[in-house]
Amino acid sequence: MHMSTRIAGVLTGLALALGGAAFAAPAAHADVTACINQVERELQGGEAPDSVRMACYVGLTGDHEQCVSDLTAGGVTNGTAVSACRVAPE
């Protein structure tokens, strides 16, 4: 019984470690990238400036209104800003 408890503990710890790393790390980067990519499509091949990257990061934190405001202040159309900020926290 002692050995099965130990194995269960090890497996639980391993599952939590691997699951937590897979859940937390790649998602943030991909979401900000999706936001930036939408803005870059509007720029038609131009690279997004740092202000766009920061606005998309704000969107990632869940502040949709501020994300849209920051993008439109940087010259992005409202429609693109709304859709880009919508994908940021997903």
PDB file of N, CA and C in Angstrom:
ATOM      1  N   MET A   1       0.822  -1.181   0.000  1.00  0.00           N
ATOM      2  CA  MET A   1       0.000   0.000   0.000  1.00  0.00           C
ATOM      3  C   MET A   1       0.876   1.259   0.000  1.00  0.00           C
ATOM      4  N   HIS A   2       1.977   1.201   0.688  1.00  0.00           N
ATOM      5  CA  HIS A   2       2.889   2.340   0.737  1.00  0.00           C
ATOM      6  C   HIS A   2       3.454   2.654  -0.652  1.00  0.00           C
ATOM      7  N   MET A   3       3.779   1.616  -1.416  1.00  0.00           N
ATOM      8  CA  MET A   3       4.345   1.820  -2.746  1.00  0.00           C
ATOM      9  C   MET A   3       3.314   2.428  -3.697  1.00  0.00           C
ATOM     10  N   SER A   4       2.061   1.991  -3.650  1.00  0.00           N
ATOM     11  CA  SER A   4       1.038   2.536  -4.545  1.00  0.00           C
ATOM     12  C   SER A   4       0.738   3.996  -4.214  1.00  0.00           C
ATOM     13  N   THR A   5       0.788   4.371  -2.951  1.00  0.00           N
ATOM     14  CA  THR A   5       0.590   5.764  -2.554  1.00  0.00           C
ATOM     15  C   THR A   5       1.720   6.629  -3.094  1.00  0.00           C
ATOM     16  N   ARG A   6       2.916   6.113  -3.018  1.00  0.00           N
ATOM     17  CA  ARG A   6       4.077   6.841  -3.507  1.00  0.00           C
ATOM     18  C   ARG A   6       3.998   7.047  -5.019  1.00  0.00           C
ATOM     19  N   ILE A   7       3.622   5.998  -5.743  1.00  0.00           N
ATOM     20  CA  ILE A   7       3.497   6.094  -7.199  1.00  0.00           C
ATOM     21  C   ILE A   7       2.403   7.093  -7.575  1.00  0.00           C
ATOM     22  N   ALA A   8       1.291   7.038  -6.867  1.00  0.00           N
ATOM     23  CA  ALA A   8       0.199   7.978  -7.137  1.00  0.00           C
ATOM     24  C   ALA A   8       0.654   9.414  -6.907  1.00  0.00           C
ATOM     25  N   GLY A   9       1.416   9.637  -5.863  1.00  0.00           N
ATOM     26  CA  GLY A   9       1.925  10.976  -5.580  1.00  0.00           C
ATOM     27  C   GLY A   9       2.867  11.479  -6.653  1.00  0.00           C
ATOM     28  N   VAL A  10       3.751  10.601  -7.108  1.00  0.00           N
ATOM     29  CA  VAL A  10       4.701  10.973  -8.158  1.00  0.00           C
ATOM     30  C   VAL A  10       3.963  11.292  -9.458  1.00  0.00           C
ATOM     31  N   LEU A  11       3.004  10.448  -9.815  1.00  0.00           N
ATOM     32  CA  LEU A  11       2.240  10.672 -11.042  1.00  0.00           C
ATOM     33  C   LEU A  11       1.423  11.955 -10.971  1.00  0.00           C
ATOM     34  N   THR A  12       0.837  12.235  -9.817  1.00  0.00           N
ATOM     35  CA  THR A  12       0.079  13.472  -9.642  1.00  0.00           C
ATOM     36  C   THR A  12       0.990  14.687  -9.790  1.00  0.00           C
ATOM     37  N   GLY A  13       2.142  14.642  -9.149  1.00  0.00           N
ATOM     38  CA  GLY A  13       3.097  15.745  -9.258  1.00  0.00           C
ATOM     39  C   GLY A  13       3.565  15.958 -10.679  1.00  0.00           C
ATOM     40  N   LEU A  14       3.844  14.876 -11.379  1.00  0.00           N
ATOM     41  CA  LEU A  14       4.278  14.968 -12.771  1.00  0.00           C
ATOM     42  C   LEU A  14       3.179  15.557 -13.645  1.00  0.00           C
ATOM     43  N   ALA A  15       1.954  15.112 -13.451  1.00  0.00           N
ATOM     44  CA  ALA A  15       0.829  15.631 -14.245  1.00  0.00           C
ATOM     45  C   ALA A  15       0.630  17.122 -14.001  1.00  0.00           C
ATOM     46  N   LEU A  16       0.721  17.544 -12.746  1.00  0.00           N
ATOM     47  CA  LEU A  16       0.566  18.961 -12.436  1.00  0.00           C
ATOM     48  C   LEU A  16       1.693  19.797 -13.037  1.00  0.00           C
ATOM     49  N   ALA A  17       2.917  19.297 -12.953  1.00  0.00           N
ATOM     50  CA  ALA A  17       4.053  20.039 -13.486  1.00  0.00           C
ATOM     51  C   ALA A  17       3.959  20.180 -15.001  1.00  0.00           C
ATOM     52  N   LEU A  18       3.668  19.099 -15.676  1.00  0.00           N
ATOM     53  CA  LEU A  18       3.579  19.143 -17.136  1.00  0.00           C
ATOM     54  C   LEU A  18       2.349  19.899 -17.596  1.00  0.00           C
ATOM     55  N   GLY A  19       1.243  19.687 -16.953  1.00  0.00           N
ATOM     56  CA  GLY A  19       0.008  20.380 -17.319  1.00  0.00           C
ATOM     57  C   GLY A  19       0.101  21.874 -17.082  1.00  0.00           C
ATOM     58  N   GLY A  20       0.678  22.265 -15.970  1.00  0.00           N
ATOM     59  CA  GLY A  20       0.827  23.685 -15.670  1.00  0.00           C
ATOM     60  C   GLY A  20       1.740  24.384 -16.647  1.00  0.00           C
ATOM     61  N   ALA A  21       2.822  23.741 -17.022  1.00  0.00           N
ATOM     62  CA  ALA A  21       3.753  24.346 -17.978  1.00  0.00           C
ATOM     63  C   ALA A  21       3.109  24.468 -19.349  1.00  0.00           C
ATOM     64  N   ALA A  22       2.381  23.461 -19.764  1.00  0.00           N
ATOM     65  CA  ALA A  22       1.739  23.495 -21.074  1.00  0.00           C
ATOM     66  C   ALA A  22       0.599  24.505 -21.095  1.00  0.00           C
ATOM     67  N   PHE A  23      -0.063  24.674 -19.964  1.00  0.00           N
ATOM     68  CA  PHE A  23      -1.196  25.588 -19.900  1.00  0.00           C
ATOM     69  C   PHE A  23      -0.745  27.048 -19.866  1.00  0.00           C
ATOM     70  N   ALA A  24       0.265  27.359 -19.087  1.00  0.00           N
ATOM     71  CA  ALA A  24       0.635  28.753 -18.846  1.00  0.00           C
ATOM     72  C   ALA A  24       1.574  29.345 -19.887  1.00  0.00           C
ATOM     73  N   ALA A  25       2.587  28.653 -20.261  1.00  0.00           N
ATOM     74  CA  ALA A  25       3.641  29.270 -21.063  1.00  0.00           C
ATOM     75  C   ALA A  25       3.260  29.601 -22.503  1.00  0.00           C
ATOM     76  N   PRO A  26       2.860  28.658 -23.328  1.00  0.00           N
ATOM     77  CA  PRO A  26       2.693  28.996 -24.725  1.00  0.00           C
ATOM     78  C   PRO A  26       1.471  29.847 -25.033  1.00  0.00           C
ATOM     79  N   ALA A  27       0.452  29.805 -24.216  1.00  0.00           N
ATOM     80  CA  ALA A  27      -0.784  30.504 -24.530  1.00  0.00           C
ATOM     81  C   ALA A  27      -0.591  32.011 -24.596  1.00  0.00           C
ATOM     82  N   ALA A  28       0.126  32.579 -23.671  1.00  0.00           N
ATOM     83  CA  ALA A  28       0.287  34.025 -23.640  1.00  0.00           C
ATOM     84  C   ALA A  28       0.958  34.536 -24.896  1.00  0.00           C
ATOM     85  N   HIS A  29       1.994  33.888 -25.331  1.00  0.00           N
ATOM     86  CA  HIS A  29       2.714  34.324 -26.515  1.00  0.00           C
ATOM     87  C   HIS A  29       1.829  34.236 -27.753  1.00  0.00           C
ATOM     88  N   ALA A  30       1.116  33.157 -27.895  1.00  0.00           N
ATOM     89  CA  ALA A  30       0.291  32.939 -29.079  1.00  0.00           C
ATOM     90  C   ALA A  30      -0.827  33.964 -29.161  1.00  0.00           C
ATOM     91  N   ASP A  31      -1.437  34.329 -28.032  1.00  0.00           N
ATOM     92  CA  ASP A  31      -2.538  35.272 -28.038  1.00  0.00           C
ATOM     93  C   ASP A  31      -2.079  36.675 -28.416  1.00  0.00           C
ATOM     94  N   VAL A  32      -0.965  37.103 -27.866  1.00  0.00           N
ATOM     95  CA  VAL A  32      -0.428  38.413 -28.222  1.00  0.00           C
ATOM     96  C   VAL A  32      -0.042  38.414 -29.702  1.00  0.00           C
ATOM     97  N   THR A  33       0.515  37.324 -30.161  1.00  0.00           N
ATOM     98  CA  THR A  33       0.908  37.215 -31.567  1.00  0.00           C
ATOM     99  C   THR A  33      -0.304  37.307 -32.481  1.00  0.00           C
ATOM    100  N   ALA A  34      -1.406  36.664 -32.118  1.00  0.00           N
ATOM    101  CA  ALA A  34      -2.622  36.727 -32.936  1.00  0.00           C
ATOM    102  C   ALA A  34      -3.133  38.161 -33.024  1.00  0.00           C
ATOM    103  N   CYS A  35      -3.094  38.877 -31.925  1.00  0.00           N
ATOM    104  CA  CYS A  35      -3.505  40.282 -31.898  1.00  0.00           C
ATOM    105  C   CYS A  35      -2.609  41.117 -32.811  1.00  0.00           C
ATOM    106  N   ILE A  36      -1.313  40.953 -32.661  1.00  0.00           N
ATOM    107  CA  ILE A  36      -0.349  41.707 -33.470  1.00  0.00           C
ATOM    108  C   ILE A  36      -0.513  41.376 -34.949  1.00  0.00           C
ATOM    109  N   ASN A  37      -0.716  40.105 -35.265  1.00  0.00           N
ATOM    110  CA  ASN A  37      -0.873  39.696 -36.659  1.00  0.00           C
ATOM    111  C   ASN A  37      -2.072  40.360 -37.314  1.00  0.00           C
ATOM    112  N   GLN A  38      -3.156  40.513 -36.586  1.00  0.00           N
ATOM    113  CA  GLN A  38      -4.337  41.173 -37.159  1.00  0.00           C
ATOM    114  C   GLN A  38      -4.025  42.624 -37.497  1.00  0.00           C
ATOM    115  N   VAL A  39      -3.302  43.293 -36.629  1.00  0.00           N
ATOM    116  CA  VAL A  39      -2.936  44.687 -36.895  1.00  0.00           C
ATOM    117  C   VAL A  39      -1.965  44.755 -38.072  1.00  0.00           C
ATOM    118  N   GLU A  40      -1.006  43.847 -38.117  1.00  0.00           N
ATOM    119  CA  GLU A  40      -0.032  43.855 -39.217  1.00  0.00           C
ATOM    120  C   GLU A  40      -0.700  43.598 -40.561  1.00  0.00           C
ATOM    121  N   ARG A  41      -1.776  42.805 -40.590  1.00  0.00           N
ATOM    122  CA  ARG A  41      -2.509  42.597 -41.851  1.00  0.00           C
ATOM    123  C   ARG A  41      -3.082  43.914 -42.346  1.00  0.00           C
ATOM    124  N   GLU A  42      -3.551  44.757 -41.415  1.00  0.00           N
ATOM    125  CA  GLU A  42      -4.060  46.076 -41.809  1.00  0.00           C
ATOM    126  C   GLU A  42      -2.921  46.948 -42.334  1.00  0.00           C
ATOM    127  N   LEU A  43      -1.753  46.793 -41.743  1.00  0.00           N
ATOM    128  CA  LEU A  43      -0.599  47.580 -42.172  1.00  0.00           C
ATOM    129  C   LEU A  43      -0.026  47.061 -43.487  1.00  0.00           C
ATOM    130  N   GLN A  44      -0.572  45.965 -43.979  1.00  0.00           N
ATOM    131  CA  GLN A  44      -0.192  45.343 -45.238  1.00  0.00           C
ATOM    132  C   GLN A  44       1.308  45.086 -45.330  1.00  0.00           C
ATOM    133  N   GLY A  45       1.765  44.238 -44.440  1.00  0.00           N
ATOM    134  CA  GLY A  45       3.156  43.813 -44.485  1.00  0.00           C
ATOM    135  C   GLY A  45       4.093  44.592 -43.594  1.00  0.00           C
ATOM    136  N   GLY A  46       3.631  45.711 -43.084  1.00  0.00           N
ATOM    137  CA  GLY A  46       4.492  46.473 -42.190  1.00  0.00           C
ATOM    138  C   GLY A  46       4.553  45.829 -40.820  1.00  0.00           C
ATOM    139  N   GLU A  47       5.671  45.979 -40.165  1.00  0.00           N
ATOM    140  CA  GLU A  47       5.819  45.410 -38.823  1.00  0.00           C
ATOM    141  C   GLU A  47       5.166  46.325 -37.809  1.00  0.00           C
ATOM    142  N   ALA A  48       4.456  45.734 -36.888  1.00  0.00           N
ATOM    143  CA  ALA A  48       3.755  46.505 -35.860  1.00  0.00           C
ATOM    144  C   ALA A  48       4.753  47.200 -34.941  1.00  0.00           C
ATOM    145  N   PRO A  49       4.512  48.472 -34.648  1.00  0.00           N
ATOM    146  CA  PRO A  49       5.404  49.183 -33.712  1.00  0.00           C
ATOM    147  C   PRO A  49       5.206  48.686 -32.282  1.00  0.00           C
ATOM    148  N   ASP A  50       6.100  49.105 -31.412  1.00  0.00           N
ATOM    149  CA  ASP A  50       6.034  48.689 -30.000  1.00  0.00           C
ATOM    150  C   ASP A  50       4.711  49.078 -29.345  1.00  0.00           C
ATOM    151  N   SER A  51       4.117  50.187 -29.766  1.00  0.00           N
ATOM    152  CA  SER A  51       2.846  50.614 -29.171  1.00  0.00           C
ATOM    153  C   SER A  51       1.747  49.581 -29.432  1.00  0.00           C
ATOM    154  N   VAL A  52       1.783  48.931 -30.585  1.00  0.00           N
ATOM    155  CA  VAL A  52       0.810  47.882 -30.902  1.00  0.00           C
ATOM    156  C   VAL A  52       1.065  46.668 -30.020  1.00  0.00           C
ATOM    157  N   ARG A  53       2.317  46.311 -29.866  1.00  0.00           N
ATOM    158  CA  ARG A  53       2.659  45.167 -29.021  1.00  0.00           C
ATOM    159  C   ARG A  53       2.199  45.402 -27.580  1.00  0.00           C
ATOM    160  N   MET A  54       2.386  46.599 -27.080  1.00  0.00           N
ATOM    161  CA  MET A  54       1.962  46.911 -25.711  1.00  0.00           C
ATOM    162  C   MET A  54       0.442  46.894 -25.596  1.00  0.00           C
ATOM    163  N   ALA A  55      -0.249  47.431 -26.598  1.00  0.00           N
ATOM    164  CA  ALA A  55      -1.718  47.427 -26.577  1.00  0.00           C
ATOM    165  C   ALA A  55      -2.243  45.997 -26.574  1.00  0.00           C
ATOM    166  N   CYS A  56      -1.626  45.130 -27.368  1.00  0.00           N
ATOM    167  CA  CYS A  56      -2.048  43.735 -27.411  1.00  0.00           C
ATOM    168  C   CYS A  56      -1.778  43.042 -26.088  1.00  0.00           C
ATOM    169  N   TYR A  57      -0.692  43.404 -25.424  1.00  0.00           N
ATOM    170  CA  TYR A  57      -0.420  42.846 -24.102  1.00  0.00           C
ATOM    171  C   TYR A  57      -1.494  43.288 -23.111  1.00  0.00           C
ATOM    172  N   VAL A  58      -1.910  44.554 -23.195  1.00  0.00           N
ATOM    173  CA  VAL A  58      -2.991  45.051 -22.334  1.00  0.00           C
ATOM    174  C   VAL A  58      -4.260  44.241 -22.600  1.00  0.00           C
ATOM    175  N   GLY A  59      -4.520  43.932 -23.871  1.00  0.00           N
ATOM    176  CA  GLY A  59      -5.670  43.100 -24.217  1.00  0.00           C
ATOM    177  C   GLY A  59      -5.553  41.715 -23.627  1.00  0.00           C
ATOM    178  N   LEU A  60      -4.350  41.200 -23.583  1.00  0.00           N
ATOM    179  CA  LEU A  60      -4.110  39.884 -23.007  1.00  0.00           C
ATOM    180  C   LEU A  60      -4.496  39.845 -21.535  1.00  0.00           C
ATOM    181  N   THR A  61      -4.306  40.944 -20.834  1.00  0.00           N
ATOM    182  CA  THR A  61      -4.647  41.001 -19.415  1.00  0.00           C
ATOM    183  C   THR A  61      -6.152  41.105 -19.194  1.00  0.00           C
ATOM    184  N   GLY A  62      -6.913  41.288 -20.284  1.00  0.00           N
ATOM    185  CA  GLY A  62      -8.364  41.332 -20.187  1.00  0.00           C
ATOM    186  C   GLY A  62      -8.972  42.717 -20.263  1.00  0.00           C
ATOM    187  N   ASP A  63      -8.154  43.748 -20.408  1.00  0.00           N
ATOM    188  CA  ASP A  63      -8.673  45.116 -20.489  1.00  0.00           C
ATOM    189  C   ASP A  63      -8.954  45.453 -21.958  1.00  0.00           C
ATOM    190  N   HIS A  64     -10.074  44.954 -22.457  1.00  0.00           N
ATOM    191  CA  HIS A  64     -10.436  45.086 -23.868  1.00  0.00           C
ATOM    192  C   HIS A  64     -10.568  46.557 -24.286  1.00  0.00           C
ATOM    193  N   GLU A  65     -11.237  47.352 -23.474  1.00  0.00           N
ATOM    194  CA  GLU A  65     -11.460  48.759 -23.817  1.00  0.00           C
ATOM    195  C   GLU A  65     -10.150  49.528 -23.943  1.00  0.00           C
ATOM    196  N   GLN A  66      -9.222  49.298 -23.027  1.00  0.00           N
ATOM    197  CA  GLN A  66      -7.938  50.006 -23.085  1.00  0.00           C
ATOM    198  C   GLN A  66      -7.131  49.548 -24.293  1.00  0.00           C
ATOM    199  N   CYS A  67      -7.194  48.255 -24.590  1.00  0.00           N
ATOM    200  CA  CYS A  67      -6.502  47.713 -25.764  1.00  0.00           C
ATOM    201  C   CYS A  67      -6.990  48.413 -27.029  1.00  0.00           C
ATOM    202  N   VAL A  68      -8.312  48.487 -27.187  1.00  0.00           N
ATOM    203  CA  VAL A  68      -8.895  49.141 -28.371  1.00  0.00           C
ATOM    204  C   VAL A  68      -8.498  50.610 -28.406  1.00  0.00           C
ATOM    205  N   SER A  69      -8.583  51.278 -27.280  1.00  0.00           N
ATOM    206  CA  SER A  69      -8.224  52.697 -27.197  1.00  0.00           C
ATOM    207  C   SER A  69      -6.770  52.929 -27.593  1.00  0.00           C
ATOM    208  N   ASP A  70      -5.870  52.089 -27.073  1.00  0.00           N
ATOM    209  CA  ASP A  70      -4.447  52.239 -27.383  1.00  0.00           C
ATOM    210  C   ASP A  70      -4.162  51.986 -28.865  1.00  0.00           C
ATOM    211  N   LEU A  71      -4.829  50.983 -29.443  1.00  0.00           N
ATOM    212  CA  LEU A  71      -4.599  50.685 -30.858  1.00  0.00           C
ATOM    213  C   LEU A  71      -5.136  51.801 -31.750  1.00  0.00           C
ATOM    214  N   THR A  72      -6.341  52.297 -31.464  1.00  0.00           N
ATOM    215  CA  THR A  72      -6.899  53.351 -32.305  1.00  0.00           C
ATOM    216  C   THR A  72      -6.100  54.648 -32.157  1.00  0.00           C
ATOM    217  N   ALA A  73      -5.561  54.896 -30.970  1.00  0.00           N
ATOM    218  CA  ALA A  73      -4.713  56.079 -30.778  1.00  0.00           C
ATOM    219  C   ALA A  73      -3.438  55.972 -31.618  1.00  0.00           C
ATOM    220  N   GLY A  74      -3.031  54.737 -31.900  1.00  0.00           N
ATOM    221  CA  GLY A  74      -1.847  54.503 -32.714  1.00  0.00           C
ATOM    222  C   GLY A  74      -2.138  54.452 -34.205  1.00  0.00           C
ATOM    223  N   GLY A  75      -3.389  54.737 -34.604  1.00  0.00           N
ATOM    224  CA  GLY A  75      -3.713  54.807 -36.017  1.00  0.00           C
ATOM    225  C   GLY A  75      -4.365  53.566 -36.608  1.00  0.00           C
ATOM    226  N   VAL A  76      -4.682  52.584 -35.782  1.00  0.00           N
ATOM    227  CA  VAL A  76      -5.344  51.365 -36.256  1.00  0.00           C
ATOM    228  C   VAL A  76      -6.840  51.655 -36.336  1.00  0.00           C
ATOM    229  N   THR A  77      -7.505  51.173 -37.393  1.00  0.00           N
ATOM    230  CA  THR A  77      -8.943  51.400 -37.516  1.00  0.00           C
ATOM    231  C   THR A  77      -9.680  50.720 -36.362  1.00  0.00           C
ATOM    232  N   ASN A  78     -10.831  51.264 -36.028  1.00  0.00           N
ATOM    233  CA  ASN A  78     -11.606  50.739 -34.898  1.00  0.00           C
ATOM    234  C   ASN A  78     -11.979  49.271 -35.112  1.00  0.00           C
ATOM    235  N   GLY A  79     -12.399  48.897 -36.317  1.00  0.00           N
ATOM    236  CA  GLY A  79     -12.787  47.508 -36.586  1.00  0.00           C
ATOM    237  C   GLY A  79     -11.653  46.539 -36.366  1.00  0.00           C
ATOM    238  N   THR A  80     -10.468  46.890 -36.840  1.00  0.00           N
ATOM    239  CA  THR A  80      -9.307  46.034 -36.647  1.00  0.00           C
ATOM    240  C   THR A  80      -8.916  45.980 -35.176  1.00  0.00           C
ATOM    241  N   ALA A  81      -8.970  47.122 -34.517  1.00  0.00           N
ATOM    242  CA  ALA A  81      -8.610  47.166 -33.093  1.00  0.00           C
ATOM    243  C   ALA A  81      -9.541  46.294 -32.274  1.00  0.00           C
ATOM    244  N   VAL A  82     -10.834  46.354 -32.539  1.00  0.00           N
ATOM    245  CA  VAL A  82     -11.804  45.556 -31.780  1.00  0.00           C
ATOM    246  C   VAL A  82     -11.546  44.066 -31.997  1.00  0.00           C
ATOM    247  N   SER A  83     -11.338  43.654 -33.250  1.00  0.00           N
ATOM    248  CA  SER A  83     -11.128  42.223 -33.507  1.00  0.00           C
ATOM    249  C   SER A  83      -9.773  41.752 -32.973  1.00  0.00           C
ATOM    250  N   ALA A  84      -8.753  42.583 -33.087  1.00  0.00           N
ATOM    251  CA  ALA A  84      -7.427  42.191 -32.578  1.00  0.00           C
ATOM    252  C   ALA A  84      -7.459  42.055 -31.064  1.00  0.00           C
ATOM    253  N   CYS A  85      -8.099  42.977 -30.385  1.00  0.00           N
ATOM    254  CA  CYS A  85      -8.174  42.925 -28.924  1.00  0.00           C
ATOM    255  C   CYS A  85      -9.059  41.786 -28.456  1.00  0.00           C
ATOM    256  N   ARG A  86     -10.000  41.373 -29.281  1.00  0.00           N
ATOM    257  CA  ARG A  86     -10.881  40.262 -28.920  1.00  0.00           C
ATOM    258  C   ARG A  86     -10.098  38.961 -28.868  1.00  0.00           C
ATOM    259  N   VAL A  87      -9.121  38.773 -29.754  1.00  0.00           N
ATOM    260  CA  VAL A  87      -8.370  37.508 -29.767  1.00  0.00           C
ATOM    261  C   VAL A  87      -7.258  37.488 -28.729  1.00  0.00           C
ATOM    262  N   ALA A  88      -6.874  38.624 -28.201  1.00  0.00           N
ATOM    263  CA  ALA A  88      -5.751  38.675 -27.258  1.00  0.00           C
ATOM    264  C   ALA A  88      -5.948  37.800 -26.013  1.00  0.00           C
ATOM    265  N   PRO A  89      -7.088  37.871 -25.323  1.00  0.00           N
ATOM    266  CA  PRO A  89      -7.207  37.077 -24.099  1.00  0.00           C
ATOM    267  C   PRO A  89      -7.668  35.634 -24.305  1.00  0.00           C
ATOM    268  N   GLU A  90      -7.854  35.194 -25.524  1.00  0.00           N
ATOM    269  CA  GLU A  90      -8.352  33.830 -25.756  1.00  0.00           C
ATOM    270  C   GLU A  90      -7.303  32.793 -25.488  1.00  0.00           C
TER     271      GLU A  90
END
